[in-house]
Structures are given as C-alpha cells and as structure tokens.
Amino acid sequence: MANHPSALKRMRQNEKKRIRNMSYRSKVRTAVKKFLQATDEKNAGSPQLLSIATSLLHKGASKGIFHKNTASRTIGRLSKRLPHV
C-alpha cells in the first residue's frame, strides 16, 4: 500500500481508468461478436455492424485503450470477413 499522497492519488486514478477501460473493451468485444455472428449467418445488416465495431476500435485506439496497430489489424481482419457483393 502506498503512503505518499501523490502515490495514493495515482492509485485512485489508475483504478478509475482500469474500470473505464474494462467497460470500453467489453463494449468493443460485444460489437465484434455481433458482427462475426451476422457474417456467419450471412445477415444483410453486417455492414452497419462492421461500421459500429470499426468506430469503437478507432476511438479505443485514440483513447489509448488499444494500441493503434492492434485496432488496425482487428479492423482489417473484420473487413476481410465482410461478404463482398
């Protein structure tokens, strides 16, 4: 356990960020799973779901929740799964 006031504050801040990041990661994972399920079922709404997942991944990368290369790689892999007409 930290003793200095600055270390105690840093612990509080880290806990807030950890909870916020977990929540955001969960939201992204859910969006990705919905898109993958839609593509497996050949659902017509999958382009919109890809757009949602892509947007969340980009936002997460800009906020520092994901590394930018990880987000780009995930978006690329999801885009390849989109059935092209």
N, C-alpha and C. Protein backbone atom coordinates (compact mmCIF):
# COMPACT_ATOMS: atom_id res chain seq x y z
N MET A 1 0.84 -1.19 0.00
CA MET A 1 0.00 0.00 0.00
C MET A 1 0.88 1.24 0.00
N ALA A 2 0.50 2.21 -0.81
CA ALA A 2 1.28 3.45 -0.93
C ALA A 2 1.07 4.33 0.29
N ASN A 3 2.08 5.12 0.59
CA ASN A 3 2.00 6.01 1.74
C ASN A 3 1.95 7.48 1.35
N HIS A 4 2.63 7.86 0.29
CA HIS A 4 2.68 9.26 -0.10
C HIS A 4 1.35 9.68 -0.73
N PRO A 5 0.95 10.92 -0.48
CA PRO A 5 -0.32 11.40 -1.04
C PRO A 5 -0.37 11.29 -2.56
N SER A 6 0.74 11.58 -3.22
CA SER A 6 0.75 11.52 -4.68
C SER A 6 0.57 10.08 -5.16
N ALA A 7 1.16 9.13 -4.44
CA ALA A 7 1.02 7.72 -4.81
C ALA A 7 -0.41 7.23 -4.56
N LEU A 8 -1.01 7.73 -3.49
CA LEU A 8 -2.41 7.36 -3.20
C LEU A 8 -3.33 7.91 -4.29
N LYS A 9 -3.08 9.15 -4.71
CA LYS A 9 -3.89 9.74 -5.79
C LYS A 9 -3.70 8.95 -7.08
N ARG A 10 -2.46 8.58 -7.38
CA ARG A 10 -2.18 7.82 -8.59
C ARG A 10 -2.92 6.48 -8.56
N MET A 11 -3.00 5.85 -7.40
CA MET A 11 -3.74 4.58 -7.27
C MET A 11 -5.22 4.78 -7.56
N ARG A 12 -5.78 5.88 -7.03
CA ARG A 12 -7.19 6.16 -7.29
C ARG A 12 -7.43 6.40 -8.77
N GLN A 13 -6.56 7.16 -9.40
CA GLN A 13 -6.70 7.44 -10.83
C GLN A 13 -6.58 6.17 -11.66
N ASN A 14 -5.62 5.33 -11.31
CA ASN A 14 -5.42 4.09 -12.06
C ASN A 14 -6.63 3.18 -11.96
N GLU A 15 -7.24 3.14 -10.80
CA GLU A 15 -8.42 2.29 -10.62
C GLU A 15 -9.59 2.79 -11.47
N LYS A 16 -9.77 4.11 -11.53
CA LYS A 16 -10.83 4.69 -12.36
C LYS A 16 -10.59 4.35 -13.84
N LYS A 17 -9.34 4.51 -14.27
CA LYS A 17 -9.01 4.23 -15.67
C LYS A 17 -9.18 2.75 -15.98
N ARG A 18 -8.80 1.88 -15.05
CA ARG A 18 -8.92 0.45 -15.26
C ARG A 18 -10.38 0.06 -15.46
N ILE A 19 -11.26 0.60 -14.63
CA ILE A 19 -12.69 0.29 -14.74
C ILE A 19 -13.25 0.84 -16.06
N ARG A 20 -12.86 2.05 -16.43
CA ARG A 20 -13.32 2.65 -17.68
C ARG A 20 -12.83 1.83 -18.88
N ASN A 21 -11.56 1.40 -18.85
CA ASN A 21 -11.00 0.62 -19.94
C ASN A 21 -11.68 -0.74 -20.05
N MET A 22 -11.96 -1.39 -18.92
CA MET A 22 -12.64 -2.69 -18.96
C MET A 22 -14.01 -2.56 -19.59
N SER A 23 -14.72 -1.51 -19.22
CA SER A 23 -16.05 -1.27 -19.77
C SER A 23 -15.99 -1.06 -21.27
N TYR A 24 -15.04 -0.26 -21.71
CA TYR A 24 -14.92 0.04 -23.13
C TYR A 24 -14.51 -1.20 -23.92
N ARG A 25 -13.55 -1.98 -23.37
CA ARG A 25 -13.12 -3.21 -24.03
C ARG A 25 -14.29 -4.18 -24.19
N SER A 26 -15.12 -4.26 -23.17
CA SER A 26 -16.28 -5.13 -23.21
C SER A 26 -17.24 -4.70 -24.32
N LYS A 27 -17.43 -3.38 -24.45
CA LYS A 27 -18.31 -2.84 -25.49
C LYS A 27 -17.78 -3.19 -26.88
N VAL A 28 -16.45 -3.09 -27.05
CA VAL A 28 -15.83 -3.40 -28.34
C VAL A 28 -15.98 -4.89 -28.64
N ARG A 29 -15.70 -5.74 -27.66
CA ARG A 29 -15.81 -7.18 -27.88
C ARG A 29 -17.23 -7.58 -28.27
N THR A 30 -18.21 -6.96 -27.63
CA THR A 30 -19.61 -7.25 -27.95
C THR A 30 -19.92 -6.86 -29.38
N ALA A 31 -19.45 -5.68 -29.80
CA ALA A 31 -19.70 -5.23 -31.18
C ALA A 31 -19.05 -6.17 -32.19
N VAL A 32 -17.83 -6.62 -31.88
CA VAL A 32 -17.12 -7.53 -32.79
C VAL A 32 -17.86 -8.86 -32.87
N LYS A 33 -18.31 -9.37 -31.73
CA LYS A 33 -19.03 -10.65 -31.72
C LYS A 33 -20.34 -10.55 -32.51
N LYS A 34 -21.03 -9.43 -32.38
CA LYS A 34 -22.28 -9.25 -33.13
C LYS A 34 -22.00 -9.25 -34.63
N PHE A 35 -20.92 -8.58 -35.04
CA PHE A 35 -20.57 -8.55 -36.45
C PHE A 35 -20.21 -9.96 -36.94
N LEU A 36 -19.40 -10.68 -36.18
CA LEU A 36 -18.99 -12.02 -36.60
C LEU A 36 -20.19 -12.96 -36.69
N GLN A 37 -21.11 -12.82 -35.76
CA GLN A 37 -22.32 -13.65 -35.78
C GLN A 37 -23.16 -13.31 -37.02
N ALA A 38 -23.26 -12.03 -37.34
CA ALA A 38 -24.04 -11.61 -38.51
C ALA A 38 -23.41 -12.12 -39.80
N THR A 39 -22.07 -12.11 -39.88
CA THR A 39 -21.43 -12.61 -41.10
C THR A 39 -21.57 -14.12 -41.21
N ASP A 40 -21.54 -14.83 -40.09
CA ASP A 40 -21.72 -16.28 -40.13
C ASP A 40 -23.12 -16.64 -40.61
N GLU A 41 -24.09 -15.82 -40.23
CA GLU A 41 -25.48 -16.07 -40.63
C GLU A 41 -25.81 -15.40 -41.96
N LYS A 42 -24.82 -14.74 -42.57
CA LYS A 42 -25.00 -14.02 -43.84
C LYS A 42 -26.13 -13.00 -43.74
N ASN A 43 -26.11 -12.26 -42.65
CA ASN A 43 -27.11 -11.24 -42.37
C ASN A 43 -26.85 -10.00 -43.22
N ALA A 44 -27.92 -9.36 -43.67
CA ALA A 44 -27.78 -8.17 -44.53
C ALA A 44 -27.30 -6.95 -43.74
N GLY A 45 -27.46 -6.97 -42.43
CA GLY A 45 -27.08 -5.81 -41.62
C GLY A 45 -25.63 -5.81 -41.20
N SER A 46 -24.84 -6.72 -41.73
CA SER A 46 -23.45 -6.80 -41.28
C SER A 46 -22.59 -5.58 -41.64
N PRO A 47 -22.81 -4.87 -42.76
CA PRO A 47 -22.00 -3.66 -42.99
C PRO A 47 -22.18 -2.59 -41.92
N GLN A 48 -23.40 -2.45 -41.42
CA GLN A 48 -23.62 -1.48 -40.34
C GLN A 48 -22.92 -1.92 -39.06
N LEU A 49 -22.94 -3.22 -38.79
CA LEU A 49 -22.27 -3.73 -37.60
C LEU A 49 -20.76 -3.57 -37.72
N LEU A 50 -20.24 -3.73 -38.93
CA LEU A 50 -18.80 -3.50 -39.15
C LEU A 50 -18.46 -2.05 -38.89
N SER A 51 -19.32 -1.15 -39.33
CA SER A 51 -19.09 0.27 -39.13
C SER A 51 -19.05 0.62 -37.64
N ILE A 52 -19.96 0.02 -36.88
CA ILE A 52 -20.00 0.26 -35.43
C ILE A 52 -18.74 -0.25 -34.77
N ALA A 53 -18.35 -1.48 -35.10
CA ALA A 53 -17.16 -2.08 -34.50
C ALA A 53 -15.91 -1.30 -34.86
N THR A 54 -15.82 -0.87 -36.13
CA THR A 54 -14.67 -0.10 -36.59
C THR A 54 -14.57 1.23 -35.84
N SER A 55 -15.70 1.88 -35.70
CA SER A 55 -15.73 3.16 -34.99
C SER A 55 -15.26 3.00 -33.55
N LEU A 56 -15.76 1.97 -32.88
CA LEU A 56 -15.38 1.74 -31.48
C LEU A 56 -13.89 1.43 -31.37
N LEU A 57 -13.37 0.64 -32.30
CA LEU A 57 -11.94 0.30 -32.27
C LEU A 57 -11.07 1.54 -32.49
N HIS A 58 -11.46 2.39 -33.45
CA HIS A 58 -10.70 3.61 -33.68
C HIS A 58 -10.72 4.52 -32.46
N LYS A 59 -11.89 4.66 -31.86
CA LYS A 59 -11.99 5.51 -30.67
C LYS A 59 -11.16 4.95 -29.52
N GLY A 60 -11.20 3.63 -29.37
CA GLY A 60 -10.40 3.00 -28.32
C GLY A 60 -8.91 3.20 -28.53
N ALA A 61 -8.49 3.16 -29.79
CA ALA A 61 -7.07 3.38 -30.09
C ALA A 61 -6.68 4.83 -29.80
N SER A 62 -7.56 5.75 -30.11
CA SER A 62 -7.24 7.16 -29.88
C SER A 62 -7.23 7.49 -28.39
N LYS A 63 -7.99 6.74 -27.60
CA LYS A 63 -8.02 6.97 -26.15
C LYS A 63 -6.91 6.21 -25.43
N GLY A 64 -6.19 5.36 -26.16
CA GLY A 64 -5.10 4.62 -25.54
C GLY A 64 -5.53 3.31 -24.91
N ILE A 65 -6.73 2.88 -25.18
CA ILE A 65 -7.21 1.62 -24.62
C ILE A 65 -6.62 0.45 -25.40
N PHE A 66 -6.51 0.63 -26.72
CA PHE A 66 -5.88 -0.35 -27.60
C PHE A 66 -4.69 0.31 -28.27
N HIS A 67 -3.71 -0.49 -28.61
CA HIS A 67 -2.61 0.02 -29.43
C HIS A 67 -3.16 0.25 -30.83
N LYS A 68 -2.67 1.27 -31.50
CA LYS A 68 -3.23 1.62 -32.81
C LYS A 68 -3.05 0.50 -33.82
N ASN A 69 -1.94 -0.22 -33.75
CA ASN A 69 -1.72 -1.33 -34.69
C ASN A 69 -2.67 -2.48 -34.41
N THR A 70 -2.97 -2.72 -33.15
CA THR A 70 -3.91 -3.78 -32.78
C THR A 70 -5.29 -3.45 -33.33
N ALA A 71 -5.70 -2.20 -33.18
CA ALA A 71 -7.00 -1.79 -33.70
C ALA A 71 -7.05 -1.93 -35.21
N SER A 72 -5.99 -1.48 -35.89
CA SER A 72 -5.95 -1.56 -37.35
C SER A 72 -5.97 -3.01 -37.82
N ARG A 73 -5.22 -3.86 -37.15
CA ARG A 73 -5.18 -5.27 -37.52
C ARG A 73 -6.55 -5.91 -37.35
N THR A 74 -7.21 -5.61 -36.25
CA THR A 74 -8.53 -6.17 -36.00
C THR A 74 -9.53 -5.69 -37.04
N ILE A 75 -9.47 -4.40 -37.38
CA ILE A 75 -10.37 -3.84 -38.40
C ILE A 75 -10.13 -4.51 -39.74
N GLY A 76 -8.87 -4.71 -40.08
CA GLY A 76 -8.53 -5.37 -41.33
C GLY A 76 -9.08 -6.79 -41.40
N ARG A 77 -8.94 -7.52 -40.32
CA ARG A 77 -9.43 -8.89 -40.28
C ARG A 77 -10.95 -8.94 -40.36
N LEU A 78 -11.60 -8.00 -39.70
CA LEU A 78 -13.06 -7.96 -39.76
C LEU A 78 -13.52 -7.58 -41.16
N SER A 79 -12.83 -6.65 -41.79
CA SER A 79 -13.22 -6.20 -43.13
C SER A 79 -13.10 -7.33 -44.14
N LYS A 80 -12.10 -8.19 -43.97
CA LYS A 80 -11.94 -9.32 -44.89
C LYS A 80 -13.11 -10.28 -44.79
N ARG A 81 -13.74 -10.35 -43.63
CA ARG A 81 -14.85 -11.27 -43.43
C ARG A 81 -16.16 -10.76 -44.01
N LEU A 82 -16.20 -9.47 -44.31
CA LEU A 82 -17.42 -8.89 -44.88
C LEU A 82 -17.66 -9.46 -46.27
N PRO A 83 -18.81 -10.06 -46.51
CA PRO A 83 -19.06 -10.61 -47.84
C PRO A 83 -19.21 -9.49 -48.87
N HIS A 84 -18.36 -9.52 -49.88
CA HIS A 84 -18.43 -8.50 -50.94
C HIS A 84 -19.42 -8.95 -52.00
N VAL A 85 -20.19 -7.98 -52.48
CA VAL A 85 -21.24 -8.30 -53.45
C VAL A 85 -20.70 -8.26 -54.86
